[in-house]
Amino acid sequence: MEQALVQVTLTTITRLELHGFADASEKSYGTVVYFRLTHSDGRVETRLVAAKSRVKISKGLITKSVRSLILVEPAESP
């Protein structure tokens, strides 16, 4: 099954732009891709295509108590 990213009548679109932006540091990154549509009546709209971000957790930020909470598995009920 095909899925459209932007469902519009192309005859009403006078300009279609695909924008992408990304930024990163040593600890994180983020990126986004979106459409900018200009209609014949002057309306402008944007549609998100994709976005992603990540934050790197350094080893020094996780304390022993937090690490133990992460590693605890849920107990089975009797």
PDB file of N, CA and C in Angstrom:
ATOM      1  N   MET A   1       0.840  -1.173   0.000  1.00  0.00           N
ATOM      2  CA  MET A   1       0.000   0.000   0.000  1.00  0.00           C
ATOM      3  C   MET A   1       0.889   1.242   0.000  1.00  0.00           C
ATOM      4  N   GLU A   2       0.628   2.162  -0.894  1.00  0.00           N
ATOM      5  CA  GLU A   2       1.390   3.397  -0.966  1.00  0.00           C
ATOM      6  C   GLU A   2       0.830   4.412   0.019  1.00  0.00           C
ATOM      7  N   GLN A   3       1.706   5.242   0.541  1.00  0.00           N
ATOM      8  CA  GLN A   3       1.287   6.269   1.478  1.00  0.00           C
ATOM      9  C   GLN A   3       1.895   7.590   1.036  1.00  0.00           C
ATOM     10  N   ALA A   4       1.076   8.628   0.948  1.00  0.00           N
ATOM     11  CA  ALA A   4       1.555   9.936   0.530  1.00  0.00           C
ATOM     12  C   ALA A   4       2.071  10.720   1.725  1.00  0.00           C
ATOM     13  N   LEU A   5       3.183  11.411   1.537  1.00  0.00           N
ATOM     14  CA  LEU A   5       3.692  12.286   2.590  1.00  0.00           C
ATOM     15  C   LEU A   5       2.856  13.550   2.694  1.00  0.00           C
ATOM     16  N   VAL A   6       2.454  14.077   1.544  1.00  0.00           N
ATOM     17  CA  VAL A   6       1.659  15.298   1.495  1.00  0.00           C
ATOM     18  C   VAL A   6       0.485  15.045   0.567  1.00  0.00           C
ATOM     19  N   GLN A   7      -0.718  15.149   1.107  1.00  0.00           N
ATOM     20  CA  GLN A   7      -1.907  14.923   0.290  1.00  0.00           C
ATOM     21  C   GLN A   7      -2.534  16.270  -0.060  1.00  0.00           C
ATOM     22  N   VAL A   8      -2.207  16.772  -1.244  1.00  0.00           N
ATOM     23  CA  VAL A   8      -2.745  18.038  -1.737  1.00  0.00           C
ATOM     24  C   VAL A   8      -2.984  17.907  -3.229  1.00  0.00           C
ATOM     25  N   THR A   9      -3.814  18.791  -3.748  1.00  0.00           N
ATOM     26  CA  THR A   9      -4.020  18.853  -5.188  1.00  0.00           C
ATOM     27  C   THR A   9      -2.868  19.652  -5.783  1.00  0.00           C
ATOM     28  N   LEU A  10      -2.095  19.029  -6.644  1.00  0.00           N
ATOM     29  CA  LEU A  10      -0.900  19.681  -7.171  1.00  0.00           C
ATOM     30  C   LEU A  10      -1.216  20.922  -7.993  1.00  0.00           C
ATOM     31  N   THR A  11      -2.415  21.024  -8.523  1.00  0.00           N
ATOM     32  CA  THR A  11      -2.754  22.208  -9.316  1.00  0.00           C
ATOM     33  C   THR A  11      -2.852  23.459  -8.448  1.00  0.00           C
ATOM     34  N   THR A  12      -3.020  23.312  -7.135  1.00  0.00           N
ATOM     35  CA  THR A  12      -3.100  24.482  -6.246  1.00  0.00           C
ATOM     36  C   THR A  12      -1.735  24.876  -5.689  1.00  0.00           C
ATOM     37  N   ILE A  13      -0.704  24.094  -5.963  1.00  0.00           N
ATOM     38  CA  ILE A  13       0.639  24.372  -5.444  1.00  0.00           C
ATOM     39  C   ILE A  13       1.431  25.155  -6.487  1.00  0.00           C
ATOM     40  N   THR A  14       1.937  26.327  -6.081  1.00  0.00           N
ATOM     41  CA  THR A  14       2.777  27.111  -6.990  1.00  0.00           C
ATOM     42  C   THR A  14       4.261  26.907  -6.713  1.00  0.00           C
ATOM     43  N   ARG A  15       4.559  26.459  -5.509  1.00  0.00           N
ATOM     44  CA  ARG A  15       5.962  26.207  -5.167  1.00  0.00           C
ATOM     45  C   ARG A  15       6.029  25.101  -4.122  1.00  0.00           C
ATOM     46  N   LEU A  16       6.929  24.156  -4.325  1.00  0.00           N
ATOM     47  CA  LEU A  16       7.135  23.044  -3.399  1.00  0.00           C
ATOM     48  C   LEU A  16       8.627  22.978  -3.081  1.00  0.00           C
ATOM     49  N   GLU A  17       8.961  23.122  -1.797  1.00  0.00           N
ATOM     50  CA  GLU A  17      10.356  23.106  -1.376  1.00  0.00           C
ATOM     51  C   GLU A  17      10.560  21.989  -0.365  1.00  0.00           C
ATOM     52  N   LEU A  18      11.686  21.315  -0.474  1.00  0.00           N
ATOM     53  CA  LEU A  18      12.075  20.304   0.500  1.00  0.00           C
ATOM     54  C   LEU A  18      13.234  20.878   1.304  1.00  0.00           C
ATOM     55  N   HIS A  19      13.030  21.027   2.623  1.00  0.00           N
ATOM     56  CA  HIS A  19      14.046  21.606   3.496  1.00  0.00           C
ATOM     57  C   HIS A  19      14.606  20.537   4.424  1.00  0.00           C
ATOM     58  N   GLY A  20      15.881  20.627   4.699  1.00  0.00           N
ATOM     59  CA  GLY A  20      16.519  19.741   5.667  1.00  0.00           C
ATOM     60  C   GLY A  20      17.449  20.549   6.549  1.00  0.00           C
ATOM     61  N   PHE A  21      17.519  20.176   7.811  1.00  0.00           N
ATOM     62  CA  PHE A  21      18.382  20.869   8.759  1.00  0.00           C
ATOM     63  C   PHE A  21      18.954  19.855   9.731  1.00  0.00           C
ATOM     64  N   ALA A  22      20.213  20.021  10.068  1.00  0.00           N
ATOM     65  CA  ALA A  22      20.848  19.133  11.043  1.00  0.00           C
ATOM     66  C   ALA A  22      21.854  19.930  11.853  1.00  0.00           C
ATOM     67  N   ASP A  23      22.024  19.531  13.103  1.00  0.00           N
ATOM     68  CA  ASP A  23      23.013  20.151  13.973  1.00  0.00           C
ATOM     69  C   ASP A  23      23.516  19.087  14.939  1.00  0.00           C
ATOM     70  N   ALA A  24      24.760  19.214  15.332  1.00  0.00           N
ATOM     71  CA  ALA A  24      25.337  18.197  16.214  1.00  0.00           C
ATOM     72  C   ALA A  24      26.392  18.810  17.115  1.00  0.00           C
ATOM     73  N   SER A  25      26.605  18.147  18.226  1.00  0.00           N
ATOM     74  CA  SER A  25      27.700  18.474  19.132  1.00  0.00           C
ATOM     75  C   SER A  25      28.309  17.154  19.583  1.00  0.00           C
ATOM     76  N   GLU A  26      29.229  17.210  20.511  1.00  0.00           N
ATOM     77  CA  GLU A  26      29.826  15.970  21.012  1.00  0.00           C
ATOM     78  C   GLU A  26      28.828  15.150  21.813  1.00  0.00           C
ATOM     79  N   LYS A  27      27.787  15.799  22.349  1.00  0.00           N
ATOM     80  CA  LYS A  27      26.851  15.108  23.226  1.00  0.00           C
ATOM     81  C   LYS A  27      25.511  14.769  22.576  1.00  0.00           C
ATOM     82  N   SER A  28      25.169  15.410  21.466  1.00  0.00           N
ATOM     83  CA  SER A  28      23.851  15.152  20.884  1.00  0.00           C
ATOM     84  C   SER A  28      23.819  15.564  19.417  1.00  0.00           C
ATOM     85  N   TYR A  29      22.737  15.150  18.744  1.00  0.00           N
ATOM     86  CA  TYR A  29      22.499  15.628  17.389  1.00  0.00           C
ATOM     87  C   TYR A  29      21.002  15.650  17.133  1.00  0.00           C
ATOM     88  N   GLY A  30      20.618  16.424  16.149  1.00  0.00           N
ATOM     89  CA  GLY A  30      19.222  16.479  15.745  1.00  0.00           C
ATOM     90  C   GLY A  30      19.144  16.782  14.268  1.00  0.00           C
ATOM     91  N   THR A  31      18.116  16.266  13.620  1.00  0.00           N
ATOM     92  CA  THR A  31      17.922  16.514  12.196  1.00  0.00           C
ATOM     93  C   THR A  31      16.431  16.516  11.883  1.00  0.00           C
ATOM     94  N   VAL A  32      16.049  17.285  10.882  1.00  0.00           N
ATOM     95  CA  VAL A  32      14.648  17.371  10.480  1.00  0.00           C
ATOM     96  C   VAL A  32      14.578  17.583   8.968  1.00  0.00           C
ATOM     97  N   VAL A  33      13.559  17.010   8.347  1.00  0.00           N
ATOM     98  CA  VAL A  33      13.272  17.207   6.931  1.00  0.00           C
ATOM     99  C   VAL A  33      11.790  17.541   6.826  1.00  0.00           C
ATOM    100  N   TYR A  34      11.461  18.599   6.070  1.00  0.00           N
ATOM    101  CA  TYR A  34      10.059  18.980   5.933  1.00  0.00           C
ATOM    102  C   TYR A  34       9.801  19.612   4.569  1.00  0.00           C
ATOM    103  N   PHE A  35       8.541  19.581   4.145  1.00  0.00           N
ATOM    104  CA  PHE A  35       8.098  20.246   2.921  1.00  0.00           C
ATOM    105  C   PHE A  35       7.565  21.624   3.272  1.00  0.00           C
ATOM    106  N   ARG A  36       7.819  22.595   2.404  1.00  0.00           N
ATOM    107  CA  ARG A  36       7.198  23.916   2.499  1.00  0.00           C
ATOM    108  C   ARG A  36       6.400  24.101   1.217  1.00  0.00           C
ATOM    109  N   LEU A  37       5.095  24.232   1.358  1.00  0.00           N
ATOM    110  CA  LEU A  37       4.194  24.332   0.212  1.00  0.00           C
ATOM    111  C   LEU A  37       3.640  25.747   0.116  1.00  0.00           C
ATOM    112  N   THR A  38       3.686  26.334  -1.080  1.00  0.00           N
ATOM    113  CA  THR A  38       3.056  27.627  -1.319  1.00  0.00           C
ATOM    114  C   THR A  38       1.887  27.391  -2.265  1.00  0.00           C
ATOM    115  N   HIS A  39       0.687  27.783  -1.824  1.00  0.00           N
ATOM    116  CA  HIS A  39      -0.524  27.593  -2.618  1.00  0.00           C
ATOM    117  C   HIS A  39      -0.751  28.796  -3.532  1.00  0.00           C
ATOM    118  N   SER A  40      -1.583  28.611  -4.546  1.00  0.00           N
ATOM    119  CA  SER A  40      -1.863  29.675  -5.504  1.00  0.00           C
ATOM    120  C   SER A  40      -2.560  30.868  -4.860  1.00  0.00           C
ATOM    121  N   ASP A  41      -3.247  30.664  -3.739  1.00  0.00           N
ATOM    122  CA  ASP A  41      -3.910  31.781  -3.051  1.00  0.00           C
ATOM    123  C   ASP A  41      -2.986  32.476  -2.046  1.00  0.00           C
ATOM    124  N   GLY A  42      -1.698  32.092  -1.996  1.00  0.00           N
ATOM    125  CA  GLY A  42      -0.732  32.738  -1.127  1.00  0.00           C
ATOM    126  C   GLY A  42      -0.496  32.037   0.203  1.00  0.00           C
ATOM    127  N   ARG A  43      -1.324  31.061   0.538  1.00  0.00           N
ATOM    128  CA  ARG A  43      -1.134  30.331   1.795  1.00  0.00           C
ATOM    129  C   ARG A  43       0.172  29.544   1.739  1.00  0.00           C
ATOM    130  N   VAL A  44       0.834  29.474   2.879  1.00  0.00           N
ATOM    131  CA  VAL A  44       2.058  28.683   3.009  1.00  0.00           C
ATOM    132  C   VAL A  44       1.840  27.689   4.138  1.00  0.00           C
ATOM    133  N   GLU A  45       2.190  26.439   3.892  1.00  0.00           N
ATOM    134  CA  GLU A  45       2.093  25.431   4.947  1.00  0.00           C
ATOM    135  C   GLU A  45       3.345  24.565   4.925  1.00  0.00           C
ATOM    136  N   THR A  46       3.621  23.958   6.059  1.00  0.00           N
ATOM    137  CA  THR A  46       4.756  23.047   6.159  1.00  0.00           C
ATOM    138  C   THR A  46       4.255  21.689   6.613  1.00  0.00           C
ATOM    139  N   ARG A  47       4.920  20.652   6.145  1.00  0.00           N
ATOM    140  CA  ARG A  47       4.592  19.269   6.517  1.00  0.00           C
ATOM    141  C   ARG A  47       5.869  18.554   6.914  1.00  0.00           C
ATOM    142  N   LEU A  48       5.872  18.015   8.110  1.00  0.00           N
ATOM    143  CA  LEU A  48       7.024  17.272   8.605  1.00  0.00           C
ATOM    144  C   LEU A  48       7.157  15.954   7.844  1.00  0.00           C
ATOM    145  N   VAL A  49       8.352  15.674   7.349  1.00  0.00           N
ATOM    146  CA  VAL A  49       8.628  14.417   6.663  1.00  0.00           C
ATOM    147  C   VAL A  49       9.301  13.447   7.626  1.00  0.00           C
ATOM    148  N   ALA A  50      10.354  13.910   8.310  1.00  0.00           N
ATOM    149  CA  ALA A  50      11.071  13.052   9.258  1.00  0.00           C
ATOM    150  C   ALA A  50      11.875  13.917  10.216  1.00  0.00           C
ATOM    151  N   ALA A  51      12.083  13.392  11.418  1.00  0.00           N
ATOM    152  CA  ALA A  51      12.916  14.067  12.411  1.00  0.00           C
ATOM    153  C   ALA A  51      13.561  13.013  13.298  1.00  0.00           C
ATOM    154  N   LYS A  52      14.755  13.317  13.783  1.00  0.00           N
ATOM    155  CA  LYS A  52      15.448  12.381  14.660  1.00  0.00           C
ATOM    156  C   LYS A  52      16.402  13.160  15.556  1.00  0.00           C
ATOM    157  N   SER A  53      16.527  12.699  16.785  1.00  0.00           N
ATOM    158  CA  SER A  53      17.485  13.308  17.701  1.00  0.00           C
ATOM    159  C   SER A  53      18.030  12.239  18.635  1.00  0.00           C
ATOM    160  N   ARG A  54      19.218  12.485  19.128  1.00  0.00           N
ATOM    161  CA  ARG A  54      19.852  11.565  20.070  1.00  0.00           C
ATOM    162  C   ARG A  54      20.672  12.381  21.058  1.00  0.00           C
ATOM    163  N   VAL A  55      20.669  11.927  22.291  1.00  0.00           N
ATOM    164  CA  VAL A  55      21.504  12.520  23.327  1.00  0.00           C
ATOM    165  C   VAL A  55      22.409  11.421  23.861  1.00  0.00           C
ATOM    166  N   LYS A  56      23.693  11.680  23.866  1.00  0.00           N
ATOM    167  CA  LYS A  56      24.660  10.700  24.362  1.00  0.00           C
ATOM    168  C   LYS A  56      24.768  10.850  25.873  1.00  0.00           C
ATOM    169  N   ILE A  57      24.555   9.770  26.594  1.00  0.00           N
ATOM    170  CA  ILE A  57      24.678   9.788  28.044  1.00  0.00           C
ATOM    171  C   ILE A  57      26.099   9.369  28.392  1.00  0.00           C
ATOM    172  N   SER A  58      26.818  10.262  29.021  1.00  0.00           N
ATOM    173  CA  SER A  58      28.191   9.906  29.394  1.00  0.00           C
ATOM    174  C   SER A  58      28.172   9.032  30.638  1.00  0.00           C
ATOM    175  N   LYS A  59      29.171   8.211  30.787  1.00  0.00           N
ATOM    176  CA  LYS A  59      29.228   7.253  31.896  1.00  0.00           C
ATOM    177  C   LYS A  59      29.201   7.943  33.254  1.00  0.00           C
ATOM    178  N   GLY A  60      29.759   9.134  33.342  1.00  0.00           N
ATOM    179  CA  GLY A  60      29.807   9.832  34.615  1.00  0.00           C
ATOM    180  C   GLY A  60      28.447  10.315  35.101  1.00  0.00           C
ATOM    181  N   LEU A  61      27.468  10.399  34.209  1.00  0.00           N
ATOM    182  CA  LEU A  61      26.160  10.913  34.594  1.00  0.00           C
ATOM    183  C   LEU A  61      25.258   9.852  35.201  1.00  0.00           C
ATOM    184  N   ILE A  62      25.556   8.583  34.992  1.00  0.00           N
ATOM    185  CA  ILE A  62      24.710   7.517  35.526  1.00  0.00           C
ATOM    186  C   ILE A  62      25.306   7.039  36.844  1.00  0.00           C
ATOM    187  N   THR A  63      24.583   7.287  37.911  1.00  0.00           N
ATOM    188  CA  THR A  63      25.056   6.852  39.224  1.00  0.00           C
ATOM    189  C   THR A  63      24.744   5.376  39.413  1.00  0.00           C
ATOM    190  N   LYS A  64      25.317   4.785  40.460  1.00  0.00           N
ATOM    191  CA  LYS A  64      25.077   3.366  40.727  1.00  0.00           C
ATOM    192  C   LYS A  64      23.608   3.091  40.996  1.00  0.00           C
ATOM    193  N   SER A  65      22.922   3.998  41.689  1.00  0.00           N
ATOM    194  CA  SER A  65      21.506   3.765  41.990  1.00  0.00           C
ATOM    195  C   SER A  65      20.659   3.809  40.726  1.00  0.00           C
ATOM    196  N   VAL A  66      20.968   4.727  39.823  1.00  0.00           N
ATOM    197  CA  VAL A  66      20.226   4.790  38.560  1.00  0.00           C
ATOM    198  C   VAL A  66      20.524   3.554  37.729  1.00  0.00           C
ATOM    199  N   ARG A  67      21.775   3.126  37.690  1.00  0.00           N
ATOM    200  CA  ARG A  67      22.149   1.938  36.926  1.00  0.00           C
ATOM    201  C   ARG A  67      21.404   0.713  37.450  1.00  0.00           C
ATOM    202  N   SER A  68      21.264   0.596  38.774  1.00  0.00           N
ATOM    203  CA  SER A  68      20.555  -0.559  39.332  1.00  0.00           C
ATOM    204  C   SER A  68      19.077  -0.522  38.965  1.00  0.00           C
ATOM    205  N   LEU A  69      18.489   0.664  38.862  1.00  0.00           N
ATOM    206  CA  LEU A  69      17.088   0.763  38.439  1.00  0.00           C
ATOM    207  C   LEU A  69      16.924   0.338  36.988  1.00  0.00           C
ATOM    208  N   ILE A  70      17.901   0.682  36.162  1.00  0.00           N
ATOM    209  CA  ILE A  70      17.838   0.317  34.749  1.00  0.00           C
ATOM    210  C   ILE A  70      17.935  -1.194  34.580  1.00  0.00           C
ATOM    211  N   LEU A  71      18.749  -1.848  35.398  1.00  0.00           N
ATOM    212  CA  LEU A  71      19.008  -3.275  35.241  1.00  0.00           C
ATOM    213  C   LEU A  71      17.976  -4.173  35.917  1.00  0.00           C
ATOM    214  N   VAL A  72      17.108  -3.612  36.741  1.00  0.00           N
ATOM    215  CA  VAL A  72      16.108  -4.422  37.447  1.00  0.00           C
ATOM    216  C   VAL A  72      15.065  -4.915  36.461  1.00  0.00           C
ATOM    217  N   GLU A  73      14.820  -6.211  36.456  1.00  0.00           N
ATOM    218  CA  GLU A  73      13.789  -6.780  35.602  1.00  0.00           C
ATOM    219  C   GLU A  73      12.493  -6.876  36.393  1.00  0.00           C
ATOM    220  N   PRO A  74      11.365  -6.713  35.732  1.00  0.00           N
ATOM    221  CA  PRO A  74      10.097  -6.814  36.454  1.00  0.00           C
ATOM    222  C   PRO A  74       9.889  -8.225  37.000  1.00  0.00           C
ATOM    223  N   ALA A  75       9.351  -8.293  38.188  1.00  0.00           N
ATOM    224  CA  ALA A  75       9.088  -9.598  38.812  1.00  0.00           C
ATOM    225  C   ALA A  75       7.789 -10.169  38.276  1.00  0.00           C
ATOM    226  N   GLU A  76       7.740 -11.477  38.181  1.00  0.00           N
ATOM    227  CA  GLU A  76       6.507 -12.129  37.748  1.00  0.00           C
ATOM    228  C   GLU A  76       5.562 -12.244  38.928  1.00  0.00           C
ATOM    229  N   SER A  77       4.288 -12.017  38.671  1.00  0.00           N
ATOM    230  CA  SER A  77       3.314 -12.170  39.754  1.00  0.00           C
ATOM    231  C   SER A  77       2.937 -13.643  39.884  1.00  0.00           C
ATOM    232  N   PRO A  78       2.665 -14.081  41.128  1.00  0.00           N
ATOM    233  CA  PRO A  78       2.371 -15.511  41.347  1.00  0.00           C
ATOM    234  C   PRO A  78       1.066 -15.946  40.726  1.00  0.00           C
TER     235      PRO A  78
END
